[in-house]
Full PDB file with SEQRES, HELIX, SHEET, SSBOND, CRYST1, ORIGX, SCALE, CONECT and MASTER records, all heavy atoms in Angstrom:
SEQRES   1 A   38  ARG VAL TYR VAL PHE MET TRP THR GLY THR ILE SER HIS          
SEQRES   2 A   38  THR ASP VAL TRP GLY ARG TRP ILE LEU ASN LEU PRO LYS          
SEQRES   3 A   38  VAL ASP ILE SER LEU VAL ASN LEU PRO LYS LEU VAL              
HELIX    1 AA1 VAL A   16  ASN A   23  1                                   8    
HELIX    2 AA2 LEU A   34  LEU A   37  1                                   4    
SHEET    1 AA1 2 VAL A   2  MET A   6  0                                        
SHEET    2 AA1 2 VAL A  27  LEU A  31  1                                        
CRYST1    1.000    1.000    1.000  90.00  90.00  90.00 P 1           1          
ORIGX1      1.000000  0.000000  0.000000        0.00000                         
ORIGX2      0.000000  1.000000  0.000000        0.00000                         
ORIGX3      0.000000  0.000000  1.000000        0.00000                         
SCALE1      1.000000  0.000000  0.000000        0.00000                         
SCALE2      0.000000  1.000000  0.000000        0.00000                         
SCALE3      0.000000  0.000000  1.000000        0.00000                         
ATOM      1  N   ARG A   1     -33.045 -14.497  -7.880  1.00  0.00           N  
ATOM      2  CA  ARG A   1     -32.139 -13.366  -7.660  1.00  0.00           C  
ATOM      3  C   ARG A   1     -31.897 -13.176  -6.161  1.00  0.00           C  
ATOM      4  O   ARG A   1     -32.819 -13.297  -5.345  1.00  0.00           O  
ATOM      5  CB  ARG A   1     -32.714 -12.091  -8.274  1.00  0.00           C  
ATOM      6  CG  ARG A   1     -31.731 -10.914  -8.252  1.00  0.00           C  
ATOM      7  CD  ARG A   1     -32.100  -9.878  -9.277  1.00  0.00           C  
ATOM      8  NE  ARG A   1     -31.986 -10.389 -10.630  1.00  0.00           N  
ATOM      9  CZ  ARG A   1     -30.853 -10.478 -11.303  1.00  0.00           C  
ATOM     10  NH1 ARG A   1     -29.712 -10.113 -10.731  1.00  0.00           N  
ATOM     11  NH2 ARG A   1     -30.842 -10.943 -12.532  1.00  0.00           N  
ATOM     12  N   VAL A   2     -30.648 -12.891  -5.821  1.00  0.00           N  
ATOM     13  CA  VAL A   2     -30.243 -12.664  -4.435  1.00  0.00           C  
ATOM     14  C   VAL A   2     -29.599 -11.290  -4.352  1.00  0.00           C  
ATOM     15  O   VAL A   2     -28.809 -10.908  -5.225  1.00  0.00           O  
ATOM     16  CB  VAL A   2     -29.243 -13.751  -3.962  1.00  0.00           C  
ATOM     17  CG1 VAL A   2     -28.775 -13.470  -2.538  1.00  0.00           C  
ATOM     18  CG2 VAL A   2     -29.873 -15.135  -4.057  1.00  0.00           C  
ATOM     19  N   TYR A   3     -29.941 -10.558  -3.300  1.00  0.00           N  
ATOM     20  CA  TYR A   3     -29.432  -9.202  -3.109  1.00  0.00           C  
ATOM     21  C   TYR A   3     -28.501  -9.170  -1.899  1.00  0.00           C  
ATOM     22  O   TYR A   3     -28.854  -9.679  -0.824  1.00  0.00           O  
ATOM     23  CB  TYR A   3     -30.586  -8.217  -2.902  1.00  0.00           C  
ATOM     24  CG  TYR A   3     -31.539  -8.146  -4.076  1.00  0.00           C  
ATOM     25  CD1 TYR A   3     -32.600  -9.045  -4.181  1.00  0.00           C  
ATOM     26  CD2 TYR A   3     -31.371  -7.199  -5.089  1.00  0.00           C  
ATOM     27  CE1 TYR A   3     -33.487  -8.995  -5.259  1.00  0.00           C  
ATOM     28  CE2 TYR A   3     -32.243  -7.147  -6.163  1.00  0.00           C  
ATOM     29  CZ  TYR A   3     -33.288  -8.045  -6.244  1.00  0.00           C  
ATOM     30  OH  TYR A   3     -34.150  -7.986  -7.317  1.00  0.00           O  
ATOM     31  N   VAL A   4     -27.333  -8.573  -2.081  1.00  0.00           N  
ATOM     32  CA  VAL A   4     -26.349  -8.464  -1.007  1.00  0.00           C  
ATOM     33  C   VAL A   4     -26.087  -6.978  -0.772  1.00  0.00           C  
ATOM     34  O   VAL A   4     -25.847  -6.226  -1.725  1.00  0.00           O  
ATOM     35  CB  VAL A   4     -25.033  -9.176  -1.362  1.00  0.00           C  
ATOM     36  CG1 VAL A   4     -24.027  -9.044  -0.217  1.00  0.00           C  
ATOM     37  CG2 VAL A   4     -25.290 -10.648  -1.689  1.00  0.00           C  
ATOM     38  N   PHE A   5     -26.116  -6.572   0.492  1.00  0.00           N  
ATOM     39  CA  PHE A   5     -25.862  -5.174   0.851  1.00  0.00           C  
ATOM     40  C   PHE A   5     -24.589  -5.089   1.683  1.00  0.00           C  
ATOM     41  O   PHE A   5     -24.391  -5.863   2.609  1.00  0.00           O  
ATOM     42  CB  PHE A   5     -27.054  -4.599   1.625  1.00  0.00           C  
ATOM     43  CG  PHE A   5     -28.292  -4.447   0.778  1.00  0.00           C  
ATOM     44  CD1 PHE A   5     -29.171  -5.505   0.634  1.00  0.00           C  
ATOM     45  CD2 PHE A   5     -28.542  -3.260   0.109  1.00  0.00           C  
ATOM     46  CE1 PHE A   5     -30.303  -5.385  -0.157  1.00  0.00           C  
ATOM     47  CE2 PHE A   5     -29.664  -3.129  -0.684  1.00  0.00           C  
ATOM     48  CZ  PHE A   5     -30.547  -4.190  -0.822  1.00  0.00           C  
ATOM     49  N   MET A   6     -23.735  -4.142   1.323  1.00  0.00           N  
ATOM     50  CA  MET A   6     -22.449  -3.956   1.991  1.00  0.00           C  
ATOM     51  C   MET A   6     -22.381  -2.564   2.620  1.00  0.00           C  
ATOM     52  O   MET A   6     -22.975  -1.612   2.123  1.00  0.00           O  
ATOM     53  CB  MET A   6     -21.294  -4.113   0.993  1.00  0.00           C  
ATOM     54  CG  MET A   6     -21.176  -5.498   0.379  1.00  0.00           C  
ATOM     55  SD  MET A   6     -20.656  -6.728   1.607  1.00  0.00           S  
ATOM     56  CE  MET A   6     -20.114  -8.062   0.526  1.00  0.00           C  
ATOM     57  N   TRP A   7     -21.603  -2.460   3.704  1.00  0.00           N  
ATOM     58  CA  TRP A   7     -21.462  -1.188   4.418  1.00  0.00           C  
ATOM     59  C   TRP A   7     -20.382  -0.306   3.809  1.00  0.00           C  
ATOM     60  O   TRP A   7     -20.380   0.895   4.034  1.00  0.00           O  
ATOM     61  CB  TRP A   7     -21.148  -1.446   5.891  1.00  0.00           C  
ATOM     62  CG  TRP A   7     -22.250  -2.169   6.610  1.00  0.00           C  
ATOM     63  CD1 TRP A   7     -22.333  -3.506   6.847  1.00  0.00           C  
ATOM     64  CD2 TRP A   7     -23.451  -1.604   7.151  1.00  0.00           C  
ATOM     65  NE1 TRP A   7     -23.493  -3.808   7.510  1.00  0.00           N  
ATOM     66  CE2 TRP A   7     -24.200  -2.659   7.719  1.00  0.00           C  
ATOM     67  CE3 TRP A   7     -23.963  -0.301   7.217  1.00  0.00           C  
ATOM     68  CZ2 TRP A   7     -25.429  -2.453   8.332  1.00  0.00           C  
ATOM     69  CZ3 TRP A   7     -25.182  -0.103   7.839  1.00  0.00           C  
ATOM     70  CH2 TRP A   7     -25.904  -1.170   8.387  1.00  0.00           C  
ATOM     71  N   THR A   8     -19.457  -0.891   3.078  1.00  0.00           N  
ATOM     72  CA  THR A   8     -18.392  -0.109   2.446  1.00  0.00           C  
ATOM     73  C   THR A   8     -18.713   0.101   0.973  1.00  0.00           C  
ATOM     74  O   THR A   8     -19.389  -0.715   0.346  1.00  0.00           O  
ATOM     75  CB  THR A   8     -17.034  -0.816   2.566  1.00  0.00           C  
ATOM     76  OG1 THR A   8     -17.138  -2.138   2.022  1.00  0.00           O  
ATOM     77  CG2 THR A   8     -16.613  -0.915   4.022  1.00  0.00           C  
ATOM     78  N   GLY A   9     -18.192   1.195   0.410  1.00  0.00           N  
ATOM     79  CA  GLY A   9     -18.564   1.597  -0.939  1.00  0.00           C  
ATOM     80  C   GLY A   9     -17.787   0.935  -2.050  1.00  0.00           C  
ATOM     81  O   GLY A   9     -18.097   1.147  -3.228  1.00  0.00           O  
ATOM     82  N   THR A  10     -16.782   0.125  -1.723  1.00  0.00           N  
ATOM     83  CA  THR A  10     -15.979  -0.516  -2.762  1.00  0.00           C  
ATOM     84  C   THR A  10     -15.658  -1.960  -2.395  1.00  0.00           C  
ATOM     85  O   THR A  10     -15.650  -2.321  -1.214  1.00  0.00           O  
ATOM     86  CB  THR A  10     -14.644   0.228  -2.998  1.00  0.00           C  
ATOM     87  OG1 THR A  10     -13.898   0.259  -1.776  1.00  0.00           O  
ATOM     88  CG2 THR A  10     -14.881   1.644  -3.496  1.00  0.00           C  
ATOM     89  N   ILE A  11     -15.391  -2.743  -3.418  1.00  0.00           N  
ATOM     90  CA  ILE A  11     -14.842  -4.089  -3.245  1.00  0.00           C  
ATOM     91  C   ILE A  11     -13.422  -4.026  -3.783  1.00  0.00           C  
ATOM     92  O   ILE A  11     -13.208  -3.829  -4.981  1.00  0.00           O  
ATOM     93  CB  ILE A  11     -15.657  -5.136  -4.009  1.00  0.00           C  
ATOM     94  CG1 ILE A  11     -17.099  -5.167  -3.488  1.00  0.00           C  
ATOM     95  CG2 ILE A  11     -15.026  -6.518  -3.868  1.00  0.00           C  
ATOM     96  CD1 ILE A  11     -17.999  -6.123  -4.253  1.00  0.00           C  
ATOM     97  N   SER A  12     -12.455  -4.165  -2.909  1.00  0.00           N  
ATOM     98  CA  SER A  12     -11.060  -4.001  -3.306  1.00  0.00           C  
ATOM     99  C   SER A  12     -10.584  -5.183  -4.144  1.00  0.00           C  
ATOM    100  O   SER A  12     -11.221  -6.241  -4.180  1.00  0.00           O  
ATOM    101  CB  SER A  12     -10.168  -3.836  -2.079  1.00  0.00           C  
ATOM    102  OG  SER A  12     -10.042  -5.081  -1.403  1.00  0.00           O  
ATOM    103  N   HIS A  13      -9.432  -4.987  -4.810  1.00  0.00           N  
ATOM    104  CA  HIS A  13      -8.885  -6.056  -5.648  1.00  0.00           C  
ATOM    105  C   HIS A  13      -8.394  -7.231  -4.809  1.00  0.00           C  
ATOM    106  O   HIS A  13      -8.205  -8.332  -5.323  1.00  0.00           O  
ATOM    107  CB  HIS A  13      -7.734  -5.506  -6.508  1.00  0.00           C  
ATOM    108  CG  HIS A  13      -6.481  -5.223  -5.736  1.00  0.00           C  
ATOM    109  ND1 HIS A  13      -6.382  -4.151  -4.869  1.00  0.00           N  
ATOM    110  CD2 HIS A  13      -5.292  -5.880  -5.670  1.00  0.00           C  
ATOM    111  CE1 HIS A  13      -5.165  -4.160  -4.319  1.00  0.00           C  
ATOM    112  NE2 HIS A  13      -4.488  -5.195  -4.787  1.00  0.00           N  
ATOM    113  N   THR A  14      -8.200  -7.010  -3.507  1.00  0.00           N  
ATOM    114  CA  THR A  14      -7.749  -8.100  -2.624  1.00  0.00           C  
ATOM    115  C   THR A  14      -8.913  -8.880  -2.010  1.00  0.00           C  
ATOM    116  O   THR A  14      -8.692  -9.901  -1.371  1.00  0.00           O  
ATOM    117  CB  THR A  14      -6.876  -7.535  -1.490  1.00  0.00           C  
ATOM    118  OG1 THR A  14      -7.638  -6.574  -0.735  1.00  0.00           O  
ATOM    119  CG2 THR A  14      -5.631  -6.856  -2.054  1.00  0.00           C  
ATOM    120  N   ASP A  15     -10.137  -8.388  -2.196  1.00  0.00           N  
ATOM    121  CA  ASP A  15     -11.320  -9.050  -1.630  1.00  0.00           C  
ATOM    122  C   ASP A  15     -11.753 -10.177  -2.572  1.00  0.00           C  
ATOM    123  O   ASP A  15     -12.664 -10.020  -3.393  1.00  0.00           O  
ATOM    124  CB  ASP A  15     -12.449  -8.034  -1.434  1.00  0.00           C  
ATOM    125  CG  ASP A  15     -13.632  -8.608  -0.667  1.00  0.00           C  
ATOM    126  OD1 ASP A  15     -13.638  -9.828  -0.405  1.00  0.00           O  
ATOM    127  OD2 ASP A  15     -14.550  -7.835  -0.338  1.00  0.00           O  
ATOM    128  N   VAL A  16     -11.098 -11.317  -2.449  1.00  0.00           N  
ATOM    129  CA  VAL A  16     -11.323 -12.441  -3.359  1.00  0.00           C  
ATOM    130  C   VAL A  16     -12.772 -12.909  -3.325  1.00  0.00           C  
ATOM    131  O   VAL A  16     -13.416 -13.090  -4.366  1.00  0.00           O  
ATOM    132  CB  VAL A  16     -10.377 -13.613  -3.009  1.00  0.00           C  
ATOM    133  CG1 VAL A  16     -10.697 -14.838  -3.853  1.00  0.00           C  
ATOM    134  CG2 VAL A  16      -8.934 -13.195  -3.193  1.00  0.00           C  
ATOM    135  N   TRP A  17     -13.316 -13.059  -2.121  1.00  0.00           N  
ATOM    136  CA  TRP A  17     -14.661 -13.629  -2.010  1.00  0.00           C  
ATOM    137  C   TRP A  17     -15.741 -12.600  -2.276  1.00  0.00           C  
ATOM    138  O   TRP A  17     -16.852 -12.955  -2.709  1.00  0.00           O  
ATOM    139  CB  TRP A  17     -14.822 -14.306  -0.656  1.00  0.00           C  
ATOM    140  CG  TRP A  17     -13.926 -15.486  -0.529  1.00  0.00           C  
ATOM    141  CD1 TRP A  17     -12.850 -15.630   0.293  1.00  0.00           C  
ATOM    142  CD2 TRP A  17     -13.980 -16.686  -1.307  1.00  0.00           C  
ATOM    143  NE1 TRP A  17     -12.232 -16.836   0.094  1.00  0.00           N  
ATOM    144  CE2 TRP A  17     -12.906 -17.506  -0.893  1.00  0.00           C  
ATOM    145  CE3 TRP A  17     -14.826 -17.145  -2.316  1.00  0.00           C  
ATOM    146  CZ2 TRP A  17     -12.675 -18.766  -1.437  1.00  0.00           C  
ATOM    147  CZ3 TRP A  17     -14.584 -18.398  -2.868  1.00  0.00           C  
ATOM    148  CH2 TRP A  17     -13.530 -19.186  -2.429  1.00  0.00           C  
ATOM    149  N   GLY A  18     -15.451 -11.327  -2.028  1.00  0.00           N  
ATOM    150  CA  GLY A  18     -16.398 -10.288  -2.431  1.00  0.00           C  
ATOM    151  C   GLY A  18     -16.575 -10.264  -3.937  1.00  0.00           C  
ATOM    152  O   GLY A  18     -17.692 -10.151  -4.459  1.00  0.00           O  
ATOM    153  N   ARG A  19     -15.476 -10.390  -4.673  1.00  0.00           N  
ATOM    154  CA  ARG A  19     -15.532 -10.436  -6.131  1.00  0.00           C  
ATOM    155  C   ARG A  19     -16.175 -11.738  -6.624  1.00  0.00           C  
ATOM    156  O   ARG A  19     -16.876 -11.745  -7.641  1.00  0.00           O  
ATOM    157  CB  ARG A  19     -14.130 -10.274  -6.722  1.00  0.00           C  
ATOM    158  CG  ARG A  19     -13.581  -8.854  -6.569  1.00  0.00           C  
ATOM    159  CD  ARG A  19     -12.138  -8.741  -6.985  1.00  0.00           C  
ATOM    160  NE  ARG A  19     -11.709  -7.354  -6.922  1.00  0.00           N  
ATOM    161  CZ  ARG A  19     -11.680  -6.521  -7.965  1.00  0.00           C  
ATOM    162  NH1 ARG A  19     -12.037  -6.944  -9.164  1.00  0.00           N  
ATOM    163  NH2 ARG A  19     -11.295  -5.267  -7.828  1.00  0.00           N  
ATOM    164  N   TRP A  20     -15.936 -12.819  -5.889  1.00  0.00           N  
ATOM    165  CA  TRP A  20     -16.567 -14.087  -6.257  1.00  0.00           C  
ATOM    166  C   TRP A  20     -18.088 -13.977  -6.153  1.00  0.00           C  
ATOM    167  O   TRP A  20     -18.824 -14.427  -7.038  1.00  0.00           O  
ATOM    168  CB  TRP A  20     -16.042 -15.196  -5.348  1.00  0.00           C  
ATOM    169  CG  TRP A  20     -16.738 -16.511  -5.521  1.00  0.00           C  
ATOM    170  CD1 TRP A  20     -17.702 -17.043  -4.716  1.00  0.00           C  
ATOM    171  CD2 TRP A  20     -16.531 -17.462  -6.568  1.00  0.00           C  
ATOM    172  NE1 TRP A  20     -18.106 -18.265  -5.181  1.00  0.00           N  
ATOM    173  CE2 TRP A  20     -17.404 -18.561  -6.330  1.00  0.00           C  
ATOM    174  CE3 TRP A  20     -15.695 -17.506  -7.682  1.00  0.00           C  
ATOM    175  CZ2 TRP A  20     -17.468 -19.660  -7.153  1.00  0.00           C  
ATOM    176  CZ3 TRP A  20     -15.754 -18.630  -8.517  1.00  0.00           C  
ATOM    177  CH2 TRP A  20     -16.629 -19.684  -8.251  1.00  0.00           C  
ATOM    178  N   ILE A  21     -18.576 -13.366  -5.066  1.00  0.00           N  
ATOM    179  CA  ILE A  21     -20.017 -13.174  -4.890  1.00  0.00           C  
ATOM    180  C   ILE A  21     -20.585 -12.339  -6.034  1.00  0.00           C  
ATOM    181  O   ILE A  21     -21.652 -12.638  -6.582  1.00  0.00           O  
ATOM    182  CB  ILE A  21     -20.311 -12.500  -3.530  1.00  0.00           C  
ATOM    183  CG1 ILE A  21     -19.995 -13.458  -2.386  1.00  0.00           C  
ATOM    184  CG2 ILE A  21     -21.764 -12.032  -3.449  1.00  0.00           C  
ATOM    185  CD1 ILE A  21     -20.074 -12.828  -1.010  1.00  0.00           C  
ATOM    186  N   LEU A  22     -19.867 -11.291  -6.409  1.00  0.00           N  
ATOM    187  CA  LEU A  22     -20.327 -10.404  -7.476  1.00  0.00           C  
ATOM    188  C   LEU A  22     -20.483 -11.144  -8.795  1.00  0.00           C  
ATOM    189  O   LEU A  22     -21.352 -10.808  -9.611  1.00  0.00           O  
ATOM    190  CB  LEU A  22     -19.343  -9.246  -7.639  1.00  0.00           C  
ATOM    191  CG  LEU A  22     -19.753  -8.100  -8.565  1.00  0.00           C  
ATOM    192  CD1 LEU A  22     -20.999  -7.400  -8.040  1.00  0.00           C  
ATOM    193  CD2 LEU A  22     -18.615  -7.105  -8.710  1.00  0.00           C  
ATOM    194  N   ASN A  23     -19.669 -12.175  -9.013  1.00  0.00           N  
ATOM    195  CA  ASN A  23     -19.702 -12.917 -10.270  1.00  0.00           C  
ATOM    196  C   ASN A  23     -20.645 -14.117 -10.251  1.00  0.00           C  
ATOM    197  O   ASN A  23     -20.786 -14.794 -11.278  1.00  0.00           O  
ATOM    198  CB  ASN A  23     -18.293 -13.382 -10.641  1.00  0.00           C  
ATOM    199  CG  ASN A  23     -17.390 -12.227 -11.045  1.00  0.00           C  
ATOM    200  OD1 ASN A  23     -17.837 -11.295 -11.700  1.00  0.00           O  
ATOM    201  ND2 ASN A  23     -16.130 -12.268 -10.635  1.00  0.00           N  
ATOM    202  N   LEU A  24     -21.272 -14.391  -9.097  1.00  0.00           N  
ATOM    203  CA  LEU A  24     -22.256 -15.472  -9.066  1.00  0.00           C  
ATOM    204  C   LEU A  24     -23.481 -15.074  -9.891  1.00  0.00           C  
ATOM    205  O   LEU A  24     -23.839 -13.894  -9.949  1.00  0.00           O  
ATOM    206  CB  LEU A  24     -22.682 -15.760  -7.623  1.00  0.00           C  
ATOM    207  CG  LEU A  24     -21.677 -16.499  -6.737  1.00  0.00           C  
ATOM    208  CD1 LEU A  24     -22.150 -16.513  -5.284  1.00  0.00           C  
ATOM    209  CD2 LEU A  24     -21.456 -17.930  -7.231  1.00  0.00           C  
ATOM    210  N   PRO A  25     -24.147 -16.037 -10.530  1.00  0.00           N  
ATOM    211  CA  PRO A  25     -25.304 -15.682 -11.361  1.00  0.00           C  
ATOM    212  C   PRO A  25     -26.465 -15.130 -10.535  1.00  0.00           C  
ATOM    213  O   PRO A  25     -26.753 -15.615  -9.443  1.00  0.00           O  
ATOM    214  CB  PRO A  25     -25.680 -17.020 -12.017  1.00  0.00           C  
ATOM    215  CG  PRO A  25     -25.081 -18.073 -11.144  1.00  0.00           C  
ATOM    216  CD  PRO A  25     -23.835 -17.483 -10.570  1.00  0.00           C  
ATOM    217  N   LYS A  26     -27.094 -14.110 -11.084  1.00  0.00           N  
ATOM    218  CA  LYS A  26     -28.280 -13.468 -10.493  1.00  0.00           C  
ATOM    219  C   LYS A  26     -28.027 -12.971  -9.065  1.00  0.00           C  
ATOM    220  O   LYS A  26     -28.832 -13.181  -8.157  1.00  0.00           O  
ATOM    221  CB  LYS A  26     -29.474 -14.423 -10.516  1.00  0.00           C  
ATOM    222  CG  LYS A  26     -29.995 -14.706 -11.926  1.00  0.00           C  
ATOM    223  CD  LYS A  26     -31.332 -15.444 -11.890  1.00  0.00           C  
ATOM    224  CE  LYS A  26     -31.874 -15.627 -13.300  1.00  0.00           C  
ATOM    225  NZ  LYS A  26     -33.185 -16.311 -13.313  1.00  0.00           N  
ATOM    226  N   VAL A  27     -26.893 -12.315  -8.868  1.00  0.00           N  
ATOM    227  CA  VAL A  27     -26.577 -11.694  -7.578  1.00  0.00           C  
ATOM    228  C   VAL A  27     -26.330 -10.207  -7.790  1.00  0.00           C  
ATOM    229  O   VAL A  27     -25.564  -9.819  -8.670  1.00  0.00           O  
ATOM    230  CB  VAL A  27     -25.332 -12.346  -6.931  1.00  0.00           C  
ATOM    231  CG1 VAL A  27     -24.898 -11.566  -5.689  1.00  0.00           C  
ATOM    232  CG2 VAL A  27     -25.624 -13.795  -6.555  1.00  0.00           C  
ATOM    233  N   ASP A  28     -27.001  -9.375  -7.015  1.00  0.00           N  
ATOM    234  CA  ASP A  28     -26.798  -7.931  -7.039  1.00  0.00           C  
ATOM    235  C   ASP A  28     -26.165  -7.500  -5.724  1.00  0.00           C  
ATOM    236  O   ASP A  28     -26.661  -7.856  -4.648  1.00  0.00           O  
ATOM    237  CB  ASP A  28     -28.126  -7.186  -7.211  1.00  0.00           C  
ATOM    238  CG  ASP A  28     -28.740  -7.402  -8.592  1.00  0.00           C  
ATOM    239  OD1 ASP A  28     -27.997  -7.806  -9.505  1.00  0.00           O  
ATOM    240  OD2 ASP A  28     -29.965  -7.182  -8.741  1.00  0.00           O  
ATOM    241  N   ILE A  29     -25.084  -6.734  -5.788  1.00  0.00           N  
ATOM    242  CA  ILE A  29     -24.448  -6.195  -4.587  1.00  0.00           C  
ATOM    243  C   ILE A  29     -24.625  -4.680  -4.582  1.00  0.00           C  
ATOM    244  O   ILE A  29     -24.320  -4.007  -5.573  1.00  0.00           O  
ATOM    245  CB  ILE A  29     -22.947  -6.542  -4.525  1.00  0.00           C  
ATOM    246  CG1 ILE A  29     -22.739  -8.058  -4.534  1.00  0.00           C  
ATOM    247  CG2 ILE A  29     -22.321  -5.957  -3.269  1.00  0.00           C  
ATOM    248  CD1 ILE A  29     -21.299  -8.490  -4.346  1.00  0.00           C  
ATOM    249  N   SER A  30     -25.124  -4.158  -3.484  1.00  0.00           N  
ATOM    250  CA  SER A  30     -25.406  -2.724  -3.370  1.00  0.00           C  
ATOM    251  C   SER A  30     -24.791  -2.155  -2.098  1.00  0.00           C  
ATOM    252  O   SER A  30     -24.469  -2.890  -1.154  1.00  0.00           O  
ATOM    253  CB  SER A  30     -26.918  -2.469  -3.356  1.00  0.00           C  
ATOM    254  OG  SER A  30     -27.529  -2.988  -4.516  1.00  0.00           O  
ATOM    255  N   LEU A  31     -24.678  -0.844  -2.076  1.00  0.00           N  
ATOM    256  CA  LEU A  31     -24.169  -0.121  -0.912  1.00  0.00           C  
ATOM    257  C   LEU A  31     -25.313   0.197   0.039  1.00  0.00           C  
ATOM    258  O   LEU A  31     -26.395   0.615  -0.391  1.00  0.00           O  
ATOM    259  CB  LEU A  31     -23.497   1.177  -1.376  1.00  0.00           C  
ATOM    260  CG  LEU A  31     -23.065   2.165  -0.280  1.00  0.00           C  
ATOM    261  CD1 LEU A  31     -21.942   1.573   0.549  1.00  0.00           C  
ATOM    262  CD2 LEU A  31     -22.638   3.486  -0.904  1.00  0.00           C  
ATOM    263  N   VAL A  32     -25.087   0.006   1.333  1.00  0.00           N  
ATOM    264  CA  VAL A  32     -26.075   0.414   2.337  1.00  0.00           C  
ATOM    265  C   VAL A  32     -26.049   1.934   2.467  1.00  0.00           C  
ATOM    266  O   VAL A  32     -25.000   2.520   2.723  1.00  0.00           O  
ATOM    267  CB  VAL A  32     -25.776  -0.216   3.712  1.00  0.00           C  
ATOM    268  CG1 VAL A  32     -26.688   0.378   4.778  1.00  0.00           C  
ATOM    269  CG2 VAL A  32     -25.947  -1.727   3.655  1.00  0.00           C  
ATOM    270  N   ASN A  33     -27.191   2.544   2.276  1.00  0.00           N  
ATOM    271  CA  ASN A  33     -27.339   3.985   2.495  1.00  0.00           C  
ATOM    272  C   ASN A  33     -28.508   4.161   3.450  1.00  0.00           C  
ATOM    273  O   ASN A  33     -29.662   4.254   3.030  1.00  0.00           O  
ATOM    274  CB  ASN A  33     -27.587   4.716   1.171  1.00  0.00           C  
ATOM    275  CG  ASN A  33     -27.576   6.228   1.327  1.00  0.00           C  
ATOM    276  OD1 ASN A  33     -28.050   6.762   2.325  1.00  0.00           O  
ATOM    277  ND2 ASN A  33     -27.032   6.921   0.335  1.00  0.00           N  
ATOM    278  N   LEU A  34     -28.209   4.175   4.752  1.00  0.00           N  
ATOM    279  CA  LEU A  34     -29.263   4.154   5.765  1.00  0.00           C  
ATOM    280  C   LEU A  34     -30.203   5.350   5.670  1.00  0.00           C  
ATOM    281  O   LEU A  34     -31.424   5.181   5.773  1.00  0.00           O  
ATOM    282  CB  LEU A  34     -28.652   4.043   7.157  1.00  0.00           C  
ATOM    283  CG  LEU A  34     -29.632   3.715   8.291  1.00  0.00           C  
ATOM    284  CD1 LEU A  34     -30.433   2.462   7.974  1.00  0.00           C  
ATOM    285  CD2 LEU A  34     -28.891   3.553   9.608  1.00  0.00           C  
ATOM    286  N   PRO A  35     -29.711   6.580   5.476  1.00  0.00           N  
ATOM    287  CA  PRO A  35     -30.658   7.703   5.348  1.00  0.00           C  
ATOM    288  C   PRO A  35     -31.664   7.516   4.216  1.00  0.00           C  
ATOM    289  O   PRO A  35     -32.841   7.876   4.358  1.00  0.00           O  
ATOM    290  CB  PRO A  35     -29.732   8.906   5.086  1.00  0.00           C  
ATOM    291  CG  PRO A  35     -28.440   8.528   5.719  1.00  0.00           C  
ATOM    292  CD  PRO A  35     -28.311   7.048   5.491  1.00  0.00           C  
ATOM    293  N   LYS A  36     -31.233   6.960   3.092  1.00  0.00           N  
ATOM    294  CA  LYS A  36     -32.160   6.718   1.986  1.00  0.00           C  
ATOM    295  C   LYS A  36     -33.072   5.540   2.271  1.00  0.00           C  
ATOM    296  O   LYS A  36     -34.255   5.545   1.909  1.00  0.00           O  
ATOM    297  CB  LYS A  36     -31.391   6.476   0.689  1.00  0.00           C  
ATOM    298  CG  LYS A  36     -30.762   7.726   0.092  1.00  0.00           C  
ATOM    299  CD  LYS A  36     -30.132   7.430  -1.258  1.00  0.00           C  
ATOM    300  CE  LYS A  36     -29.558   8.705  -1.882  1.00  0.00           C  
ATOM    301  NZ  LYS A  36     -28.931   8.443  -3.202  1.00  0.00           N  
ATOM    302  N   LEU A  37     -32.520   4.494   2.921  1.00  0.00           N  
ATOM    303  CA  LEU A  37     -33.317   3.311   3.211  1.00  0.00           C  
ATOM    304  C   LEU A  37     -34.482   3.621   4.142  1.00  0.00           C  
ATOM    305  O   LEU A  37     -35.587   3.098   3.961  1.00  0.00           O  
ATOM    306  CB  LEU A  37     -32.436   2.226   3.833  1.00  0.00           C  
ATOM    307  CG  LEU A  37     -31.698   1.281   2.888  1.00  0.00           C  
ATOM    308  CD1 LEU A  37     -30.808   0.344   3.679  1.00  0.00           C  
ATOM    309  CD2 LEU A  37     -32.681   0.475   2.051  1.00  0.00           C  
ATOM    310  N   VAL A  38     -34.242   4.443   5.164  1.00  0.00           N  
ATOM    311  CA  VAL A  38     -35.295   4.713   6.150  1.00  0.00           C  
ATOM    312  C   VAL A  38     -36.330   5.695   5.617  1.00  0.00           C  
ATOM    313  O   VAL A  38     -37.381   5.884   6.230  1.00  0.00           O  
ATOM    314  CB  VAL A  38     -34.714   5.238   7.479  1.00  0.00           C  
ATOM    315  CG1 VAL A  38     -33.771   4.229   8.086  1.00  0.00           C  
ATOM    316  CG2 VAL A  38     -34.029   6.586   7.289  1.00  0.00           C  
TER     317      VAL A  38                                                      
MASTER        0    0    0    2    2    0    0    6  316    1    0    3          
END                                                                             
């Protein structure tokens, strides 16, 4: 499993490779929330 963290809260319909990453097997994409992380 691979985890990907992004600074923006959405993956737009024009973000071809962001959506490609999301559809790769065993990949989780999450939002960075620095106050919660620290």
